[in-house]
């Protein structure tokens, strides 16, 4: 018969291995789904306004507050899928950014910061946008007191802000981030609806992988202190081939798997726990299938799902996005789209961030089945096609 001491030790070990055992049922909230066929302001602005009203209204969330918005400008502006504009395939569309900024301003936001960590540069985000053939003033003028900040390095602050993972973290117990992620009252993840070569899908949660400054978490980061400017990408987080600058919190356990399919989903959950998302918006009016950007290679295709999903909890929101994409949000490793990786949604649910169970989420607007664009079937078709002969591969 098992002694009381042995039982308590066994239970404690199990709780440490599975954070969800230490907390109550993961939160469930409301998620809005809408059809939106174009980026025209005449359709986009009222669609987003209706969705935000369905979520309880923006004013109660942002009035008289500083709002930070993480947008998605993944990859250099030189990467294009064919001759298409970047915003039609893998960047958050500038009209969606401007419309969201406009509505936040109209709801009374005191200050709005647009944040991104452009690839391997300390240049202003505005310069990056110009290279993508965007006009930054169209976004900056959408509401009062709007500004951009490149969060891939120290930026305008004197020091980095340390943000702790409440549940202790899967990979990192805390992060040193650009001040803008701490100096805000409301944090918004404004993402593109896409698949992802490493994490299966990239939605509101995976969008936050870019919070980590490459001066600390990049391949060219300083060893003892952060580098002055970002150099290279986040191979440190992907592969675990080195630790962050010693000035920042180190990994909890350097003996864990060094595989990106293990590390990336867990690091994302650590990040969104340290910097919680108050509003998640995932736009899929136009996007791409087959991966997160043109550099992935293979059978990539531009598509027009014509859908937007928004919610107040990122796990709930991403679960509904997965349903819209034709995937099962309850899928585990080995099941599409997580054939080779761990599910960020499952890990986030186990950490107590939010539920991925559609039966517990309050759905408003268009039923996900009526808004579905079947990424899952397209994925299955790609994987069933025979590989080309070696001499014909790009």
Protein backbone atom coordinates (compact mmCIF):
# COMPACT_ATOMS: atom_id res chain seq x y z
CA UNK A 1 0.00 0.00 0.00
CA UNK A 2 1.33 3.44 -0.96
CA UNK A 3 2.30 5.66 1.99
CA UNK A 4 0.90 9.17 2.36
CA UNK A 5 4.41 10.62 1.92
CA UNK A 6 4.98 8.65 -1.31
CA UNK A 7 1.58 9.76 -2.62
CA UNK A 8 2.33 13.43 -1.93
CA UNK A 9 5.74 13.21 -3.58
CA UNK A 10 4.25 11.52 -6.63
CA UNK A 11 1.47 14.12 -6.88
CA UNK A 12 3.93 17.02 -6.53
CA UNK A 13 6.10 15.61 -9.31
CA UNK A 14 3.08 15.23 -11.58
CA UNK A 15 2.01 18.82 -10.93
CA UNK A 16 5.45 20.14 -11.80
CA UNK A 17 5.43 18.17 -15.04
CA UNK A 18 1.94 19.37 -16.02
CA UNK A 19 1.27 22.98 -14.94
CA UNK A 20 -2.47 22.59 -15.62
CA UNK A 21 -2.81 20.34 -12.56
CA UNK A 22 -2.00 23.31 -10.35
CA UNK A 23 -4.75 25.62 -11.61
CA UNK A 24 -8.45 25.82 -12.22
CA UNK A 25 -10.14 25.07 -15.51
CA UNK A 26 -8.68 27.16 -18.32
CA UNK A 27 -10.70 30.33 -19.06
CA UNK A 28 -13.37 30.38 -21.76
CA UNK A 29 -14.68 33.57 -23.34
CA UNK A 30 -16.38 35.03 -26.36
CA UNK A 31 -14.99 34.88 -29.88
CA UNK A 32 -16.42 36.72 -32.90
CA UNK A 33 -16.20 35.46 -36.47
CA UNK A 34 -17.01 37.60 -39.52
CA UNK A 35 -16.94 37.31 -43.27
CA UNK A 36 -15.04 40.15 -44.96
CA UNK A 37 -14.26 39.87 -48.65
CA UNK A 38 -12.16 42.98 -49.22
CA UNK A 39 -9.78 45.41 -47.51
CA UNK A 40 -11.91 48.38 -48.57
CA UNK A 41 -12.57 50.66 -45.62
CA UNK A 42 -16.29 50.69 -46.45
CA UNK A 43 -16.45 46.97 -45.63
CA UNK A 44 -13.51 46.48 -43.26
CA UNK A 45 -14.19 49.22 -40.69
CA UNK A 46 -17.87 48.35 -40.03
CA UNK A 47 -17.01 44.65 -39.94
CA UNK A 48 -14.35 45.15 -37.27
CA UNK A 49 -16.56 47.61 -35.37
CA UNK A 50 -19.38 45.04 -35.23
CA UNK A 51 -17.00 42.33 -34.05
CA UNK A 52 -15.57 44.52 -31.28
CA UNK A 53 -19.11 45.45 -30.21
CA UNK A 54 -19.98 41.74 -30.08
CA UNK A 55 -17.03 41.27 -27.73
CA UNK A 56 -18.39 43.90 -25.35
CA UNK A 57 -17.06 47.11 -26.93
CA UNK A 58 -13.59 48.61 -27.22
CA UNK A 59 -14.25 51.60 -24.99
CA UNK A 60 -14.39 49.57 -21.80
CA UNK A 61 -11.10 47.93 -22.77
CA UNK A 62 -9.03 50.88 -24.02
CA UNK A 63 -10.53 54.23 -22.99
CA UNK A 64 -7.85 56.56 -21.59
CA UNK A 65 -5.27 53.76 -21.82
CA UNK A 66 -2.03 53.09 -23.67
CA UNK A 67 -2.51 50.29 -26.19
CA UNK A 68 0.34 48.26 -27.68
CA UNK A 69 -0.30 46.32 -30.89
CA UNK A 70 2.02 43.54 -32.07
CA UNK A 71 1.72 43.32 -35.84
CA UNK A 72 3.20 40.61 -38.08
CA UNK A 73 5.88 41.65 -40.58
CA UNK A 74 7.71 38.33 -40.63
CA UNK A 75 10.65 38.02 -43.00
CA UNK A 76 12.45 40.62 -45.10
CA UNK A 77 10.36 42.79 -47.48
CA UNK A 78 12.36 41.23 -50.31
CA UNK A 79 10.57 37.90 -49.82
CA UNK A 80 7.49 37.70 -52.04
CA UNK A 81 5.19 34.95 -53.22
CA UNK A 82 5.41 35.51 -56.94
CA UNK A 83 4.68 39.17 -57.66
CA UNK A 84 2.05 39.60 -54.95
CA UNK A 85 2.20 42.34 -52.31
CA UNK A 86 3.45 41.03 -48.97
CA UNK A 87 0.19 42.00 -47.25
CA UNK A 88 -1.77 39.67 -49.56
CA UNK A 89 0.20 36.64 -48.40
CA UNK A 90 2.06 36.86 -45.08
CA UNK A 91 2.16 40.40 -43.58
CA UNK A 92 -0.71 41.78 -41.52
CA UNK A 93 -2.49 43.98 -44.06
CA UNK A 94 -1.90 47.75 -43.56
CA UNK A 95 -5.61 48.46 -44.03
CA UNK A 96 -6.43 46.08 -41.15
CA UNK A 97 -3.78 47.78 -39.01
CA UNK A 98 -5.11 51.25 -39.87
CA UNK A 99 -8.75 50.23 -39.33
CA UNK A 100 -7.93 48.73 -35.92
CA UNK A 101 -5.95 51.83 -34.93
CA UNK A 102 -8.83 54.05 -36.07
CA UNK A 103 -11.38 52.13 -34.00
CA UNK A 104 -9.11 52.09 -30.95
CA UNK A 105 -8.70 55.84 -31.24
CA UNK A 106 -12.44 56.32 -31.63
CA UNK A 107 -12.96 54.21 -28.49
CA UNK A 108 -10.78 56.63 -26.51
CA UNK A 109 -7.31 55.06 -26.45
CA UNK A 110 -4.90 57.65 -25.08
CA UNK A 111 -1.85 56.36 -26.93
CA UNK A 112 -1.31 53.60 -29.50
CA UNK A 113 2.04 51.93 -30.10
CA UNK A 114 2.56 49.63 -33.08
CA UNK A 115 5.29 47.12 -32.31
CA UNK A 116 7.35 44.74 -34.41
CA UNK A 117 10.87 43.28 -34.48
CA UNK A 118 11.93 43.70 -38.13
CA UNK A 119 14.44 41.19 -39.43
CA UNK A 120 18.03 41.88 -38.30
CA UNK A 121 17.82 45.68 -38.16
CA UNK A 122 17.55 48.55 -35.69
CA UNK A 123 16.01 50.78 -38.34
CA UNK A 124 12.66 52.40 -37.52
CA UNK A 125 9.63 50.25 -38.37
CA UNK A 126 8.55 53.05 -40.74
CA UNK A 127 11.64 52.41 -42.89
CA UNK A 128 10.76 48.73 -43.03
CA UNK A 129 7.24 49.59 -44.16
CA UNK A 130 8.54 51.84 -46.92
CA UNK A 131 10.57 48.91 -48.26
CA UNK A 132 7.33 46.94 -48.42
CA UNK A 133 5.80 49.77 -50.52
CA UNK A 134 3.54 50.90 -47.66
CA UNK A 135 2.88 54.48 -46.60
CA UNK A 136 3.43 54.68 -42.79
CA UNK A 137 1.49 57.97 -42.58
CA UNK A 138 -1.71 56.16 -43.55
CA UNK A 139 -1.43 54.23 -40.28
CA UNK A 140 0.03 57.00 -38.13
CA UNK A 141 -2.83 59.33 -39.08
CA UNK A 142 -5.59 56.80 -38.38
CA UNK A 143 -5.93 58.03 -34.76
CA UNK A 144 -4.32 60.56 -32.41
CA UNK A 145 -1.01 59.75 -30.67
CA UNK A 146 0.05 56.77 -32.81
CA UNK A 147 3.69 55.69 -32.97
CA UNK A 148 5.83 52.79 -34.13
CA UNK A 149 8.65 51.14 -32.19
CA UNK A 150 11.19 48.56 -33.30
CA UNK A 151 11.23 46.12 -30.37
CA UNK A 152 14.09 43.99 -31.70
CA UNK A 153 16.52 45.96 -29.52
CA UNK A 154 16.56 48.39 -26.57
CA UNK A 155 14.90 51.14 -28.58
CA UNK A 156 14.03 54.35 -26.79
CA UNK A 157 14.41 53.02 -23.24
CA UNK A 158 17.44 52.98 -20.94
CA UNK A 159 16.98 49.32 -20.01
CA UNK A 160 14.99 46.24 -20.94
CA UNK A 161 11.85 45.32 -19.00
CA UNK A 162 11.87 41.97 -17.21
CA UNK A 163 8.57 40.12 -17.54
CA UNK A 164 8.02 36.96 -15.50
CA UNK A 165 6.11 33.85 -16.56
CA UNK A 166 3.46 33.37 -13.83
CA UNK A 167 3.35 29.57 -13.96
CA UNK A 168 7.14 29.25 -13.98
CA UNK A 169 7.55 28.67 -17.70
CA UNK A 170 8.16 25.67 -19.90
CA UNK A 171 11.50 26.89 -21.29
CA UNK A 172 12.12 30.36 -19.84
CA UNK A 173 11.06 31.61 -16.37
CA UNK A 174 11.12 35.24 -17.52
CA UNK A 175 12.13 37.44 -20.46
CA UNK A 176 13.93 40.74 -20.91
CA UNK A 177 11.87 42.64 -23.50
CA UNK A 178 11.64 46.09 -25.05
CA UNK A 179 9.98 48.54 -22.65
CA UNK A 180 6.89 48.94 -24.87
CA UNK A 181 5.60 45.50 -23.87
CA UNK A 182 5.57 46.55 -20.23
CA UNK A 183 4.65 50.23 -20.68
CA UNK A 184 1.10 49.59 -21.86
CA UNK A 185 -2.29 49.00 -20.28
CA UNK A 186 -3.71 46.88 -23.09
CA UNK A 187 -1.86 44.47 -25.38
CA UNK A 188 -3.27 43.48 -28.79
CA UNK A 189 -2.01 40.71 -31.08
CA UNK A 190 -2.94 41.58 -34.67
CA UNK A 191 -2.01 38.53 -36.71
CA UNK A 192 -2.36 36.91 -40.14
CA UNK A 193 -4.13 33.54 -40.47
CA UNK A 194 -1.48 31.11 -41.71
CA UNK A 195 0.02 27.67 -41.39
CA UNK A 196 3.54 27.39 -39.98
CA UNK A 197 6.39 25.06 -40.94
CA UNK A 198 7.59 24.66 -37.33
CA UNK A 199 4.52 25.30 -35.15
CA UNK A 200 1.72 23.97 -37.39
CA UNK A 201 -0.23 27.24 -37.38
CA UNK A 202 0.64 30.87 -36.68
CA UNK A 203 -2.23 32.89 -35.26
CA UNK A 204 -2.54 35.33 -32.35
CA UNK A 205 -0.23 33.39 -30.01
CA UNK A 206 2.57 32.49 -32.43
CA UNK A 207 2.56 36.14 -33.59
CA UNK A 208 4.13 36.93 -30.21
CA UNK A 209 7.24 34.84 -30.86
CA UNK A 210 8.65 38.10 -32.24
CA UNK A 211 8.50 39.79 -28.83
CA UNK A 212 11.99 38.47 -28.05
CA UNK A 213 14.69 41.02 -29.00
CA UNK A 214 17.48 39.51 -31.10
CA UNK A 215 20.01 41.59 -29.17
CA UNK A 216 19.42 39.09 -26.34
CA UNK A 217 17.79 36.05 -27.98
CA UNK A 218 19.34 36.20 -31.45
CA UNK A 219 22.20 34.37 -33.12
CA UNK A 220 24.33 37.52 -32.85
CA UNK A 221 23.36 38.49 -29.30
CA UNK A 222 26.00 39.54 -26.82
CA UNK A 223 27.32 36.82 -24.52
CA UNK A 224 27.37 38.76 -21.25
CA UNK A 225 25.27 41.80 -22.15
CA UNK A 226 22.83 42.48 -25.01
CA UNK A 227 24.35 43.55 -28.31
CA UNK A 228 23.73 47.16 -29.35
CA UNK A 229 21.88 46.17 -32.52
CA UNK A 230 20.07 42.99 -33.61
CA UNK A 231 22.09 40.63 -35.79
CA UNK A 232 20.59 37.53 -37.38
CA UNK A 233 17.45 35.64 -36.37
CA UNK A 234 16.22 33.74 -33.32
CA UNK A 235 18.09 30.48 -33.89
CA UNK A 236 18.86 30.55 -30.16
CA UNK A 237 15.18 30.04 -29.39
CA UNK A 238 14.62 27.61 -32.24
CA UNK A 239 17.61 25.34 -31.71
CA UNK A 240 18.83 26.11 -28.20
CA UNK A 241 22.40 26.14 -29.52
CA UNK A 242 23.35 28.80 -26.97
CA UNK A 243 21.81 30.70 -24.06
CA UNK A 244 20.52 34.29 -24.05
CA UNK A 245 22.86 37.07 -22.95
CA UNK A 246 23.85 36.33 -19.35
CA UNK A 247 22.22 39.57 -18.20
CA UNK A 248 18.81 37.99 -19.00
CA UNK A 249 17.06 35.01 -17.37
CA UNK A 250 18.50 31.74 -18.65
CA UNK A 251 16.65 28.57 -19.65
CA UNK A 252 15.22 26.52 -16.81
CA UNK A 253 16.70 23.25 -18.08
CA UNK A 254 19.35 23.21 -20.83
CA UNK A 255 18.98 19.41 -21.07
CA UNK A 256 15.49 19.59 -22.63
CA UNK A 257 15.18 18.67 -26.34
CA UNK A 258 17.00 21.03 -28.70
CA UNK A 259 14.33 20.59 -31.40
CA UNK A 260 12.47 23.65 -32.71
CA UNK A 261 9.22 21.66 -32.85
CA UNK A 262 9.53 21.21 -29.08
CA UNK A 263 10.99 24.59 -28.14
CA UNK A 264 9.02 27.07 -30.26
CA UNK A 265 5.50 26.10 -29.05
CA UNK A 266 6.65 26.16 -25.42
CA UNK A 267 8.48 29.46 -25.74
CA UNK A 268 5.37 31.02 -27.31
CA UNK A 269 3.28 29.95 -24.30
CA UNK A 270 5.92 31.33 -21.95
CA UNK A 271 5.82 34.66 -23.82
CA UNK A 272 2.05 35.10 -23.87
CA UNK A 273 1.94 34.21 -20.19
CA UNK A 274 4.58 36.81 -19.35
CA UNK A 275 2.94 39.38 -21.67
CA UNK A 276 -0.80 38.49 -21.66
CA UNK A 277 -2.90 39.29 -24.73
CA UNK A 278 -6.05 41.32 -24.01
CA UNK A 279 -7.39 41.38 -27.57
CA UNK A 280 -6.56 38.91 -30.33
CA UNK A 281 -7.42 39.73 -33.95
CA UNK A 282 -6.56 37.29 -36.75
CA UNK A 283 -7.18 38.45 -40.30
CA UNK A 284 -7.56 35.98 -43.13
CA UNK A 285 -9.14 38.13 -45.82
CA UNK A 286 -6.22 37.21 -48.07
CA UNK A 287 -3.33 34.97 -47.01
CA UNK A 288 -1.37 31.92 -48.16
CA UNK A 289 -1.37 28.17 -47.63
CA UNK A 290 1.62 25.93 -47.08
CA UNK A 291 3.55 27.96 -44.52
CA UNK A 292 4.22 31.29 -42.87
CA UNK A 293 6.14 32.92 -45.70
CA UNK A 294 7.60 32.48 -49.20
CA UNK A 295 10.96 31.29 -47.81
CA UNK A 296 9.36 28.03 -46.64
CA UNK A 297 9.38 26.69 -50.20
CA UNK A 298 7.30 23.85 -51.53
CA UNK A 299 3.71 24.06 -52.72
CA UNK A 300 2.70 27.55 -51.57
CA UNK A 301 -0.46 29.23 -52.77
CA UNK A 302 -2.13 32.62 -52.31
CA UNK A 303 -5.74 32.26 -51.17
CA UNK A 304 -8.67 34.48 -50.15
CA UNK A 305 -10.59 32.96 -47.20
CA UNK A 306 -12.40 36.28 -46.60
CA UNK A 307 -12.61 35.91 -42.81
CA UNK A 308 -11.64 37.70 -39.60
CA UNK A 309 -11.64 36.18 -36.09
CA UNK A 310 -11.35 38.20 -32.86
CA UNK A 311 -11.54 37.41 -29.16
CA UNK A 312 -10.46 38.51 -25.70
CA UNK A 313 -8.51 35.30 -25.01
CA UNK A 314 -5.80 34.17 -27.44
CA UNK A 315 -6.24 30.43 -26.90
CA UNK A 316 -10.00 30.68 -27.43
CA UNK A 317 -9.42 32.83 -30.51
CA UNK A 318 -6.82 30.52 -32.04
CA UNK A 319 -9.04 27.50 -31.39
CA UNK A 320 -11.84 29.11 -33.40
CA UNK A 321 -9.33 30.06 -36.12
CA UNK A 322 -8.24 26.44 -36.38
CA UNK A 323 -11.86 25.38 -36.79
CA UNK A 324 -12.34 27.97 -39.53
CA UNK A 325 -9.21 26.57 -41.21
CA UNK A 326 -10.67 23.05 -41.14
CA UNK A 327 -8.40 21.78 -38.34
CA UNK A 328 -9.40 20.27 -34.99
CA UNK A 329 -8.26 22.62 -32.19
CA UNK A 330 -8.07 19.57 -29.91
CA UNK A 331 -5.46 17.99 -32.21
CA UNK A 332 -2.29 16.74 -30.57
CA UNK A 333 1.20 16.02 -31.90
CA UNK A 334 1.03 13.66 -34.86
CA UNK A 335 -2.31 15.02 -36.09
CA UNK A 336 -2.69 17.85 -38.67
CA UNK A 337 -1.53 20.57 -38.46
CA UNK A 338 0.79 19.33 -35.69
CA UNK A 339 2.23 16.34 -37.55
CA UNK A 340 5.77 16.99 -36.33
CA UNK A 341 5.36 19.51 -33.51
CA UNK A 342 3.64 20.00 -30.19
CA UNK A 343 0.39 21.96 -30.12
CA UNK A 344 0.81 25.49 -28.80
CA UNK A 345 -2.91 25.47 -28.00
CA UNK A 346 -2.67 22.35 -25.84
CA UNK A 347 0.38 23.67 -24.01
CA UNK A 348 -1.33 27.02 -23.40
CA UNK A 349 -4.45 25.29 -22.15
CA UNK A 350 -2.38 23.15 -19.77
CA UNK A 351 -0.67 26.30 -18.50
CA UNK A 352 -4.10 27.75 -17.69
CA UNK A 353 -4.09 30.52 -20.31
CA UNK A 354 -7.36 29.54 -21.99
CA UNK A 355 -9.44 26.66 -23.27
CA UNK A 356 -9.22 25.27 -26.80
CA UNK A 357 -12.51 23.39 -26.44
CA UNK A 358 -15.09 24.87 -28.81
CA UNK A 359 -17.90 23.55 -26.63
CA UNK A 360 -16.84 25.94 -23.86
CA UNK A 361 -16.24 29.01 -26.05
CA UNK A 362 -19.10 31.44 -26.69
CA UNK A 363 -19.27 31.97 -30.45
CA UNK A 364 -20.83 35.12 -31.89
CA UNK A 365 -21.22 36.32 -35.45
CA UNK A 366 -20.87 33.88 -38.33
CA UNK A 367 -20.72 30.19 -37.31
CA UNK A 368 -17.20 28.84 -37.98
CA UNK A 369 -18.63 26.17 -40.30
CA UNK A 370 -20.15 28.91 -42.50
CA UNK A 371 -16.86 30.84 -42.61
CA UNK A 372 -14.67 27.81 -43.25
CA UNK A 373 -11.84 27.87 -45.75
CA UNK A 374 -10.38 24.39 -45.74
CA UNK A 375 -6.63 24.70 -45.16
CA UNK A 376 -6.74 21.14 -43.82
CA UNK A 377 -7.84 19.60 -47.13
CA UNK A 378 -5.26 21.62 -49.06
CA UNK A 379 -2.61 20.44 -46.60
CA UNK A 380 -3.64 16.82 -47.08
CA UNK A 381 -3.51 17.19 -50.85
CA UNK A 382 -0.01 18.67 -50.70
CA UNK A 383 1.27 15.83 -48.57
CA UNK A 384 -0.28 13.17 -50.78
CA UNK A 385 1.47 14.39 -53.92
CA UNK A 386 4.61 12.44 -54.90
CA UNK A 387 7.89 14.29 -54.55
CA UNK A 388 9.48 15.42 -57.84
CA UNK A 389 12.61 13.64 -59.11
CA UNK A 390 15.81 14.87 -57.45
CA UNK A 391 16.93 16.70 -60.58
CA UNK A 392 13.73 18.76 -60.67
CA UNK A 393 13.72 19.99 -57.08
CA UNK A 394 14.36 23.67 -56.45
